[in-house]
Amino acid sequence: MSASTPKRAADGGGSASPAFELVFRPSVELISVVRRFVAEFYERTLDDLEIASRLALATHELLENAAKYSADGETKLYVRVDRADGSVVVRTENRATTTQIDALREWFSEFEAAGDADTIYAEMIRRTAARKSGSGGLGLARIWSESEMAIDLAVEADRVRIQASGKLSSAG
């Protein structure tokens, strides 16, 4: 596991923007450790439990997704809060197989067609309950609905990047 130290980059507004990046092979145990780290790190740097909770949820779901669907087990995680523009970003990047990429594209097409986070999340909960294995994109829908963060997919060759982004406001 390699990690850059949490850093505070200048944001032009005189305040700092806490960000960090990790590159590692997430296991179930490590995903939980990183979630707790993100929650505590942002609780202390932002003094906002709601935002810290949303960032931790997005981190957990994206890492869990990356761990399940990584072709080589390695994942890059990036988390940033920009106080200047009020934005938050959680992003994972990993290699994936063509089959995994096709499934991701299908889920994101469904999200786009649905247009409403809560509706697609409820639908995916119903579908997941009927599945024998896998969650069929439920974690991604959960980020969109519960964390009130937009989710985006970018694919370049076999590299998959999923990003959750939103605003610092607890109101979403």
N, C-alpha and C. Protein backbone atom coordinates (compact mmCIF):
# COMPACT_ATOMS: atom_id res chain seq x y z
N MET A 1 0.86 -1.16 0.00
CA MET A 1 0.00 0.00 0.00
C MET A 1 0.90 1.22 0.00
N SER A 2 0.59 2.18 -0.84
CA SER A 2 1.30 3.45 -0.81
C SER A 2 0.27 4.55 -0.65
N ALA A 3 0.67 5.59 0.02
CA ALA A 3 -0.26 6.69 0.24
C ALA A 3 0.52 7.99 0.28
N SER A 4 -0.03 8.99 -0.35
CA SER A 4 0.57 10.30 -0.18
C SER A 4 0.02 10.87 1.12
N THR A 5 0.78 11.70 1.75
CA THR A 5 0.33 12.28 3.00
C THR A 5 -0.84 13.22 2.76
N PRO A 6 -1.77 13.27 3.69
CA PRO A 6 -2.82 14.26 3.54
C PRO A 6 -2.18 15.63 3.35
N LYS A 7 -2.66 16.36 2.39
CA LYS A 7 -2.06 17.66 2.13
C LYS A 7 -3.12 18.73 2.08
N ARG A 8 -2.71 19.92 2.28
CA ARG A 8 -3.61 21.07 2.18
C ARG A 8 -3.08 21.92 1.04
N ALA A 9 -3.84 21.94 -0.04
CA ALA A 9 -3.44 22.71 -1.21
C ALA A 9 -4.05 24.09 -1.14
N ALA A 10 -3.34 25.07 -1.62
CA ALA A 10 -3.87 26.43 -1.65
C ALA A 10 -5.09 26.47 -2.54
N ASP A 11 -6.13 27.17 -2.10
CA ASP A 11 -7.36 27.22 -2.90
C ASP A 11 -7.67 28.63 -3.36
N GLY A 12 -6.76 29.54 -3.19
CA GLY A 12 -6.98 30.90 -3.66
C GLY A 12 -7.82 31.75 -2.74
N GLY A 13 -8.49 31.16 -1.78
CA GLY A 13 -9.37 31.92 -0.92
C GLY A 13 -8.79 32.13 0.47
N GLY A 14 -7.54 31.75 0.67
CA GLY A 14 -6.93 31.95 1.96
C GLY A 14 -7.14 30.78 2.91
N SER A 15 -8.09 29.90 2.61
CA SER A 15 -8.28 28.72 3.45
C SER A 15 -7.69 27.52 2.73
N ALA A 16 -7.56 26.42 3.42
CA ALA A 16 -6.94 25.24 2.84
C ALA A 16 -7.99 24.23 2.42
N SER A 17 -7.63 23.40 1.46
CA SER A 17 -8.51 22.35 0.96
C SER A 17 -7.89 21.00 1.27
N PRO A 18 -8.40 20.28 2.27
CA PRO A 18 -7.82 19.00 2.62
C PRO A 18 -8.11 17.95 1.54
N ALA A 19 -7.04 17.25 1.12
CA ALA A 19 -7.17 16.21 0.10
C ALA A 19 -6.15 15.13 0.38
N PHE A 20 -6.43 13.92 -0.10
CA PHE A 20 -5.45 12.85 -0.02
C PHE A 20 -5.72 11.83 -1.12
N GLU A 21 -4.69 11.03 -1.40
CA GLU A 21 -4.79 9.98 -2.41
C GLU A 21 -4.12 8.73 -1.85
N LEU A 22 -4.77 7.59 -2.04
CA LEU A 22 -4.23 6.29 -1.63
C LEU A 22 -4.20 5.39 -2.84
N VAL A 23 -3.16 4.57 -2.95
CA VAL A 23 -3.11 3.52 -3.97
C VAL A 23 -2.85 2.23 -3.21
N PHE A 24 -3.77 1.28 -3.29
CA PHE A 24 -3.63 0.05 -2.52
C PHE A 24 -4.54 -1.05 -3.07
N ARG A 25 -4.44 -2.22 -2.47
CA ARG A 25 -5.28 -3.36 -2.82
C ARG A 25 -6.31 -3.51 -1.69
N PRO A 26 -7.51 -2.96 -1.88
CA PRO A 26 -8.48 -2.97 -0.79
C PRO A 26 -9.03 -4.36 -0.49
N SER A 27 -9.10 -4.67 0.79
CA SER A 27 -9.79 -5.87 1.27
C SER A 27 -11.00 -5.36 2.04
N VAL A 28 -11.88 -6.27 2.42
CA VAL A 28 -13.05 -5.87 3.19
C VAL A 28 -12.62 -5.11 4.44
N GLU A 29 -11.60 -5.62 5.13
CA GLU A 29 -11.12 -4.98 6.35
C GLU A 29 -10.55 -3.59 6.06
N LEU A 30 -9.75 -3.47 5.01
CA LEU A 30 -9.14 -2.18 4.69
C LEU A 30 -10.18 -1.15 4.22
N ILE A 31 -11.21 -1.61 3.55
CA ILE A 31 -12.27 -0.68 3.13
C ILE A 31 -12.89 -0.03 4.36
N SER A 32 -13.15 -0.82 5.38
CA SER A 32 -13.72 -0.28 6.62
C SER A 32 -12.75 0.66 7.32
N VAL A 33 -11.45 0.33 7.32
CA VAL A 33 -10.44 1.18 7.93
C VAL A 33 -10.39 2.53 7.22
N VAL A 34 -10.39 2.50 5.88
CA VAL A 34 -10.32 3.74 5.11
C VAL A 34 -11.59 4.57 5.33
N ARG A 35 -12.74 3.91 5.39
CA ARG A 35 -13.99 4.65 5.65
C ARG A 35 -13.90 5.39 6.98
N ARG A 36 -13.43 4.70 8.02
CA ARG A 36 -13.31 5.35 9.33
C ARG A 36 -12.30 6.50 9.28
N PHE A 37 -11.19 6.30 8.56
CA PHE A 37 -10.20 7.36 8.42
C PHE A 37 -10.81 8.59 7.76
N VAL A 38 -11.51 8.39 6.64
CA VAL A 38 -12.13 9.51 5.91
C VAL A 38 -13.11 10.25 6.82
N ALA A 39 -13.95 9.49 7.52
CA ALA A 39 -14.93 10.12 8.41
C ALA A 39 -14.24 10.96 9.48
N GLU A 40 -13.26 10.38 10.14
CA GLU A 40 -12.58 11.12 11.22
C GLU A 40 -11.76 12.29 10.68
N PHE A 41 -11.06 12.09 9.57
CA PHE A 41 -10.25 13.14 8.98
C PHE A 41 -11.10 14.37 8.65
N TYR A 42 -12.25 14.13 7.99
CA TYR A 42 -13.08 15.26 7.60
C TYR A 42 -13.95 15.80 8.74
N GLU A 43 -14.26 14.98 9.73
CA GLU A 43 -14.93 15.52 10.91
C GLU A 43 -14.03 16.57 11.57
N ARG A 44 -12.74 16.29 11.62
CA ARG A 44 -11.79 17.20 12.28
C ARG A 44 -11.44 18.39 11.41
N THR A 45 -11.29 18.19 10.10
CA THR A 45 -10.87 19.31 9.25
C THR A 45 -12.03 20.20 8.83
N LEU A 46 -13.23 19.66 8.78
CA LEU A 46 -14.39 20.46 8.36
C LEU A 46 -15.29 20.85 9.51
N ASP A 47 -15.23 20.12 10.61
CA ASP A 47 -16.12 20.33 11.73
C ASP A 47 -17.58 20.24 11.28
N ASP A 48 -17.87 19.27 10.41
CA ASP A 48 -19.23 19.06 9.90
C ASP A 48 -19.46 17.56 9.78
N LEU A 49 -20.19 17.00 10.73
CA LEU A 49 -20.41 15.56 10.77
C LEU A 49 -21.19 15.05 9.56
N GLU A 50 -22.13 15.84 9.06
CA GLU A 50 -22.94 15.43 7.91
C GLU A 50 -22.08 15.28 6.65
N ILE A 51 -21.24 16.24 6.37
CA ILE A 51 -20.36 16.18 5.20
C ILE A 51 -19.38 15.02 5.36
N ALA A 52 -18.80 14.88 6.54
CA ALA A 52 -17.85 13.78 6.79
C ALA A 52 -18.54 12.43 6.57
N SER A 53 -19.78 12.31 7.00
CA SER A 53 -20.53 11.07 6.82
C SER A 53 -20.80 10.78 5.34
N ARG A 54 -21.17 11.81 4.59
CA ARG A 54 -21.41 11.64 3.15
C ARG A 54 -20.14 11.22 2.42
N LEU A 55 -19.00 11.84 2.78
CA LEU A 55 -17.73 11.47 2.17
C LEU A 55 -17.34 10.04 2.52
N ALA A 56 -17.57 9.65 3.77
CA ALA A 56 -17.24 8.29 4.21
C ALA A 56 -18.11 7.26 3.49
N LEU A 57 -19.40 7.55 3.34
CA LEU A 57 -20.29 6.64 2.62
C LEU A 57 -19.84 6.47 1.17
N ALA A 58 -19.58 7.58 0.50
CA ALA A 58 -19.14 7.50 -0.90
C ALA A 58 -17.82 6.75 -1.01
N THR A 59 -16.89 7.01 -0.09
CA THR A 59 -15.61 6.30 -0.09
C THR A 59 -15.82 4.80 0.05
N HIS A 60 -16.63 4.41 1.02
CA HIS A 60 -16.88 2.99 1.27
C HIS A 60 -17.50 2.31 0.04
N GLU A 61 -18.54 2.91 -0.50
CA GLU A 61 -19.23 2.28 -1.63
C GLU A 61 -18.34 2.21 -2.88
N LEU A 62 -17.59 3.28 -3.15
CA LEU A 62 -16.71 3.26 -4.33
C LEU A 62 -15.58 2.27 -4.15
N LEU A 63 -15.00 2.19 -2.96
CA LEU A 63 -13.93 1.22 -2.72
C LEU A 63 -14.45 -0.21 -2.79
N GLU A 64 -15.62 -0.45 -2.24
CA GLU A 64 -16.21 -1.78 -2.29
C GLU A 64 -16.45 -2.20 -3.75
N ASN A 65 -16.96 -1.27 -4.54
CA ASN A 65 -17.20 -1.52 -5.96
C ASN A 65 -15.88 -1.81 -6.68
N ALA A 66 -14.87 -0.99 -6.42
CA ALA A 66 -13.57 -1.16 -7.07
C ALA A 66 -12.93 -2.49 -6.67
N ALA A 67 -13.04 -2.87 -5.41
CA ALA A 67 -12.46 -4.13 -4.96
C ALA A 67 -13.13 -5.32 -5.65
N LYS A 68 -14.45 -5.27 -5.81
CA LYS A 68 -15.17 -6.37 -6.45
C LYS A 68 -14.88 -6.46 -7.94
N TYR A 69 -14.69 -5.32 -8.58
CA TYR A 69 -14.61 -5.30 -10.03
C TYR A 69 -13.24 -4.91 -10.58
N SER A 70 -12.21 -5.00 -9.77
CA SER A 70 -10.86 -4.67 -10.24
C SER A 70 -10.24 -5.90 -10.91
N ALA A 71 -9.65 -5.71 -12.07
CA ALA A 71 -9.01 -6.80 -12.80
C ALA A 71 -7.73 -7.27 -12.12
N ASP A 72 -7.03 -6.38 -11.42
CA ASP A 72 -5.76 -6.75 -10.80
C ASP A 72 -5.72 -6.52 -9.29
N GLY A 73 -6.83 -6.07 -8.71
CA GLY A 73 -6.91 -5.86 -7.26
C GLY A 73 -6.44 -4.50 -6.79
N GLU A 74 -5.74 -3.75 -7.63
CA GLU A 74 -5.23 -2.44 -7.21
C GLU A 74 -6.24 -1.34 -7.50
N THR A 75 -6.36 -0.43 -6.56
CA THR A 75 -7.29 0.68 -6.68
C THR A 75 -6.62 1.97 -6.24
N LYS A 76 -6.96 3.03 -6.92
CA LYS A 76 -6.51 4.36 -6.52
C LYS A 76 -7.73 5.09 -5.98
N LEU A 77 -7.58 5.70 -4.81
CA LEU A 77 -8.65 6.48 -4.18
C LEU A 77 -8.16 7.90 -4.02
N TYR A 78 -9.01 8.85 -4.39
CA TYR A 78 -8.70 10.28 -4.24
C TYR A 78 -9.90 10.93 -3.58
N VAL A 79 -9.66 11.70 -2.53
CA VAL A 79 -10.71 12.43 -1.84
C VAL A 79 -10.24 13.87 -1.68
N ARG A 80 -11.12 14.81 -2.04
CA ARG A 80 -10.76 16.23 -1.96
C ARG A 80 -11.97 17.05 -1.54
N VAL A 81 -11.70 18.04 -0.72
CA VAL A 81 -12.68 19.05 -0.35
C VAL A 81 -12.08 20.39 -0.75
N ASP A 82 -12.81 21.16 -1.52
CA ASP A 82 -12.34 22.48 -1.95
C ASP A 82 -13.24 23.53 -1.31
N ARG A 83 -12.71 24.17 -0.31
CA ARG A 83 -13.50 25.19 0.41
C ARG A 83 -13.77 26.41 -0.45
N ALA A 84 -12.90 26.69 -1.43
CA ALA A 84 -13.07 27.87 -2.27
C ALA A 84 -14.37 27.80 -3.06
N ASP A 85 -14.65 26.66 -3.67
CA ASP A 85 -15.88 26.55 -4.46
C ASP A 85 -16.94 25.67 -3.78
N GLY A 86 -16.62 25.17 -2.58
CA GLY A 86 -17.59 24.38 -1.82
C GLY A 86 -17.80 22.98 -2.35
N SER A 87 -16.85 22.44 -3.13
CA SER A 87 -17.04 21.13 -3.74
C SER A 87 -16.33 20.02 -2.98
N VAL A 88 -16.88 18.82 -3.10
CA VAL A 88 -16.27 17.61 -2.56
C VAL A 88 -16.20 16.58 -3.68
N VAL A 89 -15.12 15.80 -3.69
CA VAL A 89 -14.92 14.78 -4.71
C VAL A 89 -14.37 13.53 -4.06
N VAL A 90 -14.94 12.38 -4.42
CA VAL A 90 -14.39 11.08 -4.06
C VAL A 90 -14.29 10.32 -5.38
N ARG A 91 -13.07 9.82 -5.67
CA ARG A 91 -12.88 9.16 -6.97
C ARG A 91 -12.05 7.89 -6.78
N THR A 92 -12.46 6.84 -7.46
CA THR A 92 -11.67 5.62 -7.52
C THR A 92 -11.28 5.36 -8.96
N GLU A 93 -10.15 4.69 -9.12
CA GLU A 93 -9.70 4.30 -10.45
C GLU A 93 -9.07 2.92 -10.34
N ASN A 94 -9.42 2.05 -11.27
CA ASN A 94 -8.85 0.70 -11.30
C ASN A 94 -8.98 0.11 -12.70
N ARG A 95 -8.30 -0.99 -12.92
CA ARG A 95 -8.44 -1.72 -14.17
C ARG A 95 -9.64 -2.65 -14.05
N ALA A 96 -10.33 -2.90 -15.16
CA ALA A 96 -11.50 -3.78 -15.15
C ALA A 96 -11.55 -4.56 -16.46
N THR A 97 -12.28 -5.67 -16.42
CA THR A 97 -12.46 -6.48 -17.62
C THR A 97 -13.55 -5.85 -18.49
N THR A 98 -13.60 -6.27 -19.73
CA THR A 98 -14.64 -5.78 -20.65
C THR A 98 -16.04 -6.06 -20.10
N THR A 99 -16.25 -7.23 -19.53
CA THR A 99 -17.55 -7.59 -18.97
C THR A 99 -17.92 -6.65 -17.83
N GLN A 100 -16.96 -6.35 -16.96
CA GLN A 100 -17.21 -5.44 -15.84
C GLN A 100 -17.50 -4.03 -16.33
N ILE A 101 -16.77 -3.60 -17.33
CA ILE A 101 -16.99 -2.27 -17.90
C ILE A 101 -18.37 -2.18 -18.53
N ASP A 102 -18.77 -3.22 -19.24
CA ASP A 102 -20.11 -3.25 -19.84
C ASP A 102 -21.20 -3.14 -18.78
N ALA A 103 -21.03 -3.85 -17.66
CA ALA A 103 -22.01 -3.78 -16.57
C ALA A 103 -22.07 -2.37 -15.99
N LEU A 104 -20.92 -1.75 -15.78
CA LEU A 104 -20.90 -0.38 -15.27
C LEU A 104 -21.61 0.58 -16.22
N ARG A 105 -21.32 0.44 -17.50
CA ARG A 105 -21.97 1.31 -18.48
C ARG A 105 -23.49 1.12 -18.47
N GLU A 106 -23.93 -0.11 -18.31
CA GLU A 106 -25.38 -0.38 -18.25
C GLU A 106 -26.01 0.30 -17.03
N TRP A 107 -25.36 0.18 -15.87
CA TRP A 107 -25.90 0.81 -14.66
C TRP A 107 -25.95 2.32 -14.81
N PHE A 108 -24.90 2.91 -15.34
CA PHE A 108 -24.89 4.36 -15.51
C PHE A 108 -25.92 4.82 -16.53
N SER A 109 -26.18 4.01 -17.54
CA SER A 109 -27.25 4.33 -18.49
C SER A 109 -28.60 4.31 -17.80
N GLU A 110 -28.79 3.34 -16.91
CA GLU A 110 -30.03 3.28 -16.13
C GLU A 110 -30.20 4.50 -15.25
N PHE A 111 -29.11 4.91 -14.60
CA PHE A 111 -29.16 6.09 -13.73
C PHE A 111 -29.57 7.32 -14.54
N GLU A 112 -28.93 7.48 -15.69
CA GLU A 112 -29.22 8.63 -16.54
C GLU A 112 -30.67 8.62 -17.01
N ALA A 113 -31.17 7.45 -17.40
CA ALA A 113 -32.55 7.33 -17.87
C ALA A 113 -33.54 7.60 -16.74
N ALA A 114 -33.21 7.16 -15.53
CA ALA A 114 -34.12 7.34 -14.39
C ALA A 114 -34.24 8.82 -14.03
N GLY A 115 -33.12 9.50 -14.02
CA GLY A 115 -33.13 10.92 -13.71
C GLY A 115 -33.35 11.27 -12.25
N ASP A 116 -33.86 10.35 -11.45
CA ASP A 116 -34.15 10.61 -10.05
C ASP A 116 -33.42 9.61 -9.17
N ALA A 117 -32.57 10.09 -8.28
CA ALA A 117 -31.74 9.24 -7.45
C ALA A 117 -32.55 8.31 -6.55
N ASP A 118 -33.57 8.84 -5.90
CA ASP A 118 -34.34 8.03 -4.96
C ASP A 118 -35.13 6.93 -5.66
N THR A 119 -35.66 7.23 -6.84
CA THR A 119 -36.43 6.23 -7.59
C THR A 119 -35.54 5.07 -8.03
N ILE A 120 -34.39 5.36 -8.60
CA ILE A 120 -33.51 4.29 -9.07
C ILE A 120 -32.95 3.51 -7.89
N TYR A 121 -32.67 4.17 -6.78
CA TYR A 121 -32.16 3.49 -5.60
C TYR A 121 -33.20 2.50 -5.07
N ALA A 122 -34.45 2.92 -4.97
CA ALA A 122 -35.52 2.03 -4.51
C ALA A 122 -35.68 0.84 -5.47
N GLU A 123 -35.61 1.10 -6.76
CA GLU A 123 -35.72 0.03 -7.76
C GLU A 123 -34.55 -0.95 -7.62
N MET A 124 -33.36 -0.45 -7.41
CA MET A 124 -32.19 -1.33 -7.30
C MET A 124 -32.23 -2.13 -5.99
N ILE A 125 -32.79 -1.57 -4.94
CA ILE A 125 -32.98 -2.33 -3.70
C ILE A 125 -33.90 -3.51 -3.96
N ARG A 126 -35.01 -3.26 -4.67
CA ARG A 126 -35.96 -4.35 -4.99
C ARG A 126 -35.26 -5.43 -5.82
N ARG A 127 -34.52 -5.02 -6.83
CA ARG A 127 -33.83 -5.98 -7.70
C ARG A 127 -32.77 -6.78 -6.95
N THR A 128 -32.03 -6.11 -6.09
CA THR A 128 -30.96 -6.77 -5.35
C THR A 128 -31.53 -7.83 -4.41
N ALA A 129 -32.68 -7.55 -3.83
CA ALA A 129 -33.32 -8.52 -2.94
C ALA A 129 -33.67 -9.81 -3.67
N ALA A 130 -33.94 -9.72 -4.97
CA ALA A 130 -34.30 -10.89 -5.76
C ALA A 130 -33.09 -11.61 -6.37
N ARG A 131 -31.90 -11.01 -6.28
CA ARG A 131 -30.69 -11.59 -6.88
C ARG A 131 -30.10 -12.67 -5.98
N LYS A 132 -29.48 -13.64 -6.62
CA LYS A 132 -28.79 -14.68 -5.85
C LYS A 132 -27.38 -14.24 -5.47
N SER A 133 -26.78 -13.34 -6.26
CA SER A 133 -25.45 -12.84 -5.94
C SER A 133 -25.26 -11.45 -6.54
N GLY A 134 -24.36 -10.70 -5.94
CA GLY A 134 -24.07 -9.36 -6.44
C GLY A 134 -25.14 -8.36 -6.09
N SER A 135 -24.77 -7.09 -6.23
CA SER A 135 -25.71 -6.04 -5.87
C SER A 135 -26.19 -5.25 -7.08
N GLY A 136 -25.63 -5.51 -8.25
CA GLY A 136 -26.12 -4.90 -9.47
C GLY A 136 -26.12 -3.39 -9.48
N GLY A 137 -25.08 -2.76 -8.94
CA GLY A 137 -24.98 -1.30 -8.96
C GLY A 137 -25.64 -0.59 -7.80
N LEU A 138 -26.10 -1.34 -6.82
CA LEU A 138 -26.81 -0.74 -5.68
C LEU A 138 -25.95 0.28 -4.94
N GLY A 139 -24.69 0.00 -4.72
CA GLY A 139 -23.81 0.92 -4.00
C GLY A 139 -23.67 2.25 -4.71
N LEU A 140 -23.61 2.20 -6.04
CA LEU A 140 -23.51 3.44 -6.82
C LEU A 140 -24.80 4.26 -6.69
N ALA A 141 -25.93 3.57 -6.76
CA ALA A 141 -27.22 4.26 -6.59
C ALA A 141 -27.33 4.84 -5.17
N ARG A 142 -26.78 4.12 -4.20
CA ARG A 142 -26.81 4.59 -2.82
C ARG A 142 -26.05 5.90 -2.66
N ILE A 143 -24.89 6.00 -3.31
CA ILE A 143 -24.11 7.24 -3.26
C ILE A 143 -24.96 8.39 -3.79
N TRP A 144 -25.56 8.18 -4.94
CA TRP A 144 -26.35 9.22 -5.59
C TRP A 144 -27.51 9.65 -4.69
N SER A 145 -28.20 8.67 -4.10
CA SER A 145 -29.38 8.97 -3.30
C SER A 145 -29.04 9.45 -1.89
N GLU A 146 -28.33 8.65 -1.13
CA GLU A 146 -28.10 8.96 0.28
C GLU A 146 -27.05 10.04 0.50
N SER A 147 -25.99 10.05 -0.34
CA SER A 147 -24.94 11.06 -0.16
C SER A 147 -25.25 12.33 -0.92
N GLU A 148 -26.29 12.28 -1.74
CA GLU A 148 -26.69 13.44 -2.55
C GLU A 148 -25.51 13.95 -3.36
N MET A 149 -24.77 12.99 -3.95
CA MET A 149 -23.62 13.33 -4.78
C MET A 149 -23.86 12.80 -6.19
N ALA A 150 -23.46 13.57 -7.18
CA ALA A 150 -23.53 13.11 -8.57
C ALA A 150 -22.47 12.04 -8.75
N ILE A 151 -22.75 11.06 -9.59
CA ILE A 151 -21.75 10.04 -9.88
C ILE A 151 -21.50 10.01 -11.38
N ASP A 152 -20.23 9.86 -11.73
CA ASP A 152 -19.83 9.86 -13.14
C ASP A 152 -18.90 8.70 -13.40
N LEU A 153 -18.98 8.17 -14.62
CA LEU A 153 -18.13 7.06 -15.06
C LEU A 153 -17.29 7.53 -16.23
N ALA A 154 -16.00 7.23 -16.18
CA ALA A 154 -15.10 7.48 -17.31
C ALA A 154 -14.32 6.19 -17.55
N VAL A 155 -14.22 5.78 -18.81
CA VAL A 155 -13.50 4.57 -19.17
C VAL A 155 -12.49 4.92 -20.25
N GLU A 156 -11.25 4.50 -20.02
CA GLU A 156 -10.20 4.68 -21.01
C GLU A 156 -9.47 3.35 -21.11
N ALA A 157 -9.65 2.66 -22.25
CA ALA A 157 -9.11 1.31 -22.43
C ALA A 157 -9.68 0.42 -21.32
N ASP A 158 -8.82 -0.15 -20.46
CA ASP A 158 -9.31 -1.00 -19.38
C ASP A 158 -9.31 -0.29 -18.02
N ARG A 159 -9.11 1.02 -18.02
CA ARG A 159 -9.10 1.81 -16.79
C ARG A 159 -10.48 2.42 -16.56
N VAL A 160 -11.00 2.20 -15.38
CA VAL A 160 -12.31 2.72 -15.00
C VAL A 160 -12.11 3.76 -13.91
N ARG A 161 -12.76 4.91 -14.08
CA ARG A 161 -12.73 5.95 -13.06
C ARG A 161 -14.17 6.30 -12.72
N ILE A 162 -14.51 6.16 -11.46
CA ILE A 162 -15.85 6.53 -10.98
C ILE A 162 -15.66 7.65 -9.97
N GLN A 163 -16.42 8.71 -10.19
CA GLN A 163 -16.31 9.89 -9.32
C GLN A 163 -17.64 10.27 -8.74
N ALA A 164 -17.65 10.53 -7.45
CA ALA A 164 -18.82 11.10 -6.77
C ALA A 164 -18.45 12.52 -6.41
N SER A 165 -19.33 13.44 -6.72
CA SER A 165 -19.03 14.84 -6.43
C SER A 165 -20.29 15.56 -5.95
N GLY A 166 -20.05 16.57 -5.14
CA GLY A 166 -21.18 17.33 -4.61
C GLY A 166 -20.69 18.63 -3.99
N LYS A 167 -21.54 19.21 -3.17
CA LYS A 167 -21.24 20.49 -2.51
C LYS A 167 -21.11 20.29 -1.01
N LEU A 168 -20.40 21.19 -0.37
CA LEU A 168 -20.19 21.12 1.08
C LEU A 168 -21.47 21.28 1.88
N SER A 169 -22.44 21.96 1.34
CA SER A 169 -23.68 22.20 2.06
C SER A 169 -24.31 20.89 2.50
N SER A 170 -24.64 20.79 3.78
CA SER A 170 -25.30 19.60 4.30
C SER A 170 -26.66 19.38 3.67
N ALA A 171 -27.21 20.42 3.09
CA ALA A 171 -28.53 20.32 2.48
C ALA A 171 -28.47 19.67 1.12
N GLY A 172 -27.26 19.38 0.57
CA GLY A 172 -27.12 18.67 -0.68
C GLY A 172 -26.99 19.59 -1.80
